[in-house]
Amino acid sequence: MFTLDDKEYDENKISENGKMALSRLQQIQTNQNKIKLEFDHTNILIKHYMAILQKEIESNKVNT
């Protein structure tokens, strides 16, 4: 079973072409979720290192 437009369908009742499209779509969605997770992780790291840099600048009174 898979859901499309809020309706459930039996993948056994679609053509081979439809099954291939479903498989590709599932792979793409999995990749998209990994990319989103990596994006969120990099944002956390950016904030972390920016905070370290800001403390460094403040403690050493670095000016331009």
Protein backbone atom coordinates (compact mmCIF):
# COMPACT_ATOMS: atom_id res chain seq x y z
CA MET A 1 0.00 0.00 0.00
CA PHE A 2 1.08 3.54 -0.70
CA THR A 3 -0.55 6.91 -0.30
CA LEU A 4 -0.94 9.45 -3.09
CA ASP A 5 -3.01 12.61 -2.70
CA ASP A 6 -4.35 11.35 0.65
CA LYS A 7 -5.67 8.15 -0.93
CA GLU A 8 -4.29 4.66 -0.36
CA TYR A 9 -3.48 2.38 -3.28
CA ASP A 10 -2.33 -1.21 -3.66
CA GLU A 11 1.01 -1.23 -5.47
CA ASN A 12 0.24 -4.74 -6.71
CA LYS A 13 -2.52 -3.29 -8.86
CA ILE A 14 -0.36 -0.86 -10.83
CA SER A 15 1.70 -1.54 -13.93
CA GLU A 16 5.44 -2.22 -13.93
CA ASN A 17 5.94 1.34 -15.12
CA GLY A 18 3.89 2.56 -12.16
CA LYS A 19 5.88 0.33 -9.78
CA MET A 20 9.13 1.75 -11.14
CA ALA A 21 7.84 5.30 -10.69
CA LEU A 22 6.78 4.47 -7.13
CA SER A 23 10.18 2.97 -6.36
CA ARG A 24 11.99 6.01 -7.78
CA LEU A 25 9.73 8.35 -5.84
CA GLN A 26 10.43 6.48 -2.61
CA GLN A 27 14.19 6.65 -3.27
CA ILE A 28 13.98 10.37 -3.98
CA GLN A 29 11.98 10.98 -0.80
CA THR A 30 14.53 9.01 1.22
CA ASN A 31 17.35 11.07 -0.29
CA GLN A 32 15.43 14.28 0.36
CA ASN A 33 14.99 13.33 4.02
CA LYS A 34 18.73 12.64 4.33
CA ILE A 35 19.52 16.00 2.74
CA LYS A 36 17.13 17.80 5.10
CA LEU A 37 18.74 16.08 8.08
CA GLU A 38 22.21 17.03 6.87
CA PHE A 39 21.04 20.61 6.28
CA ASP A 40 19.68 20.82 9.82
CA HIS A 41 22.90 19.37 11.18
CA THR A 42 25.05 21.88 9.30
CA ASN A 43 22.89 24.75 10.58
CA ILE A 44 23.50 23.55 14.14
CA LEU A 45 27.24 23.42 13.47
CA ILE A 46 27.22 26.90 11.92
CA LYS A 47 25.50 28.34 15.00
CA HIS A 48 27.92 26.51 17.28
CA TYR A 49 31.06 27.79 15.55
CA MET A 50 29.64 31.30 15.15
CA ALA A 51 29.04 31.40 18.90
CA ILE A 52 32.64 30.31 19.54
CA LEU A 53 33.92 32.94 17.12
CA GLN A 54 31.77 35.66 18.70
CA LYS A 55 33.11 34.79 22.17
CA GLU A 56 36.65 34.86 20.80
CA ILE A 57 36.12 38.27 19.24
CA GLU A 58 34.51 39.66 22.39
CA SER A 59 37.16 38.29 24.73
CA ASN A 60 40.01 39.64 22.60
CA LYS A 61 38.19 42.83 21.63
CA VAL A 62 38.99 42.29 17.99
CA ASN A 63 38.04 45.21 15.81
CA THR A 64 38.05 45.73 12.08
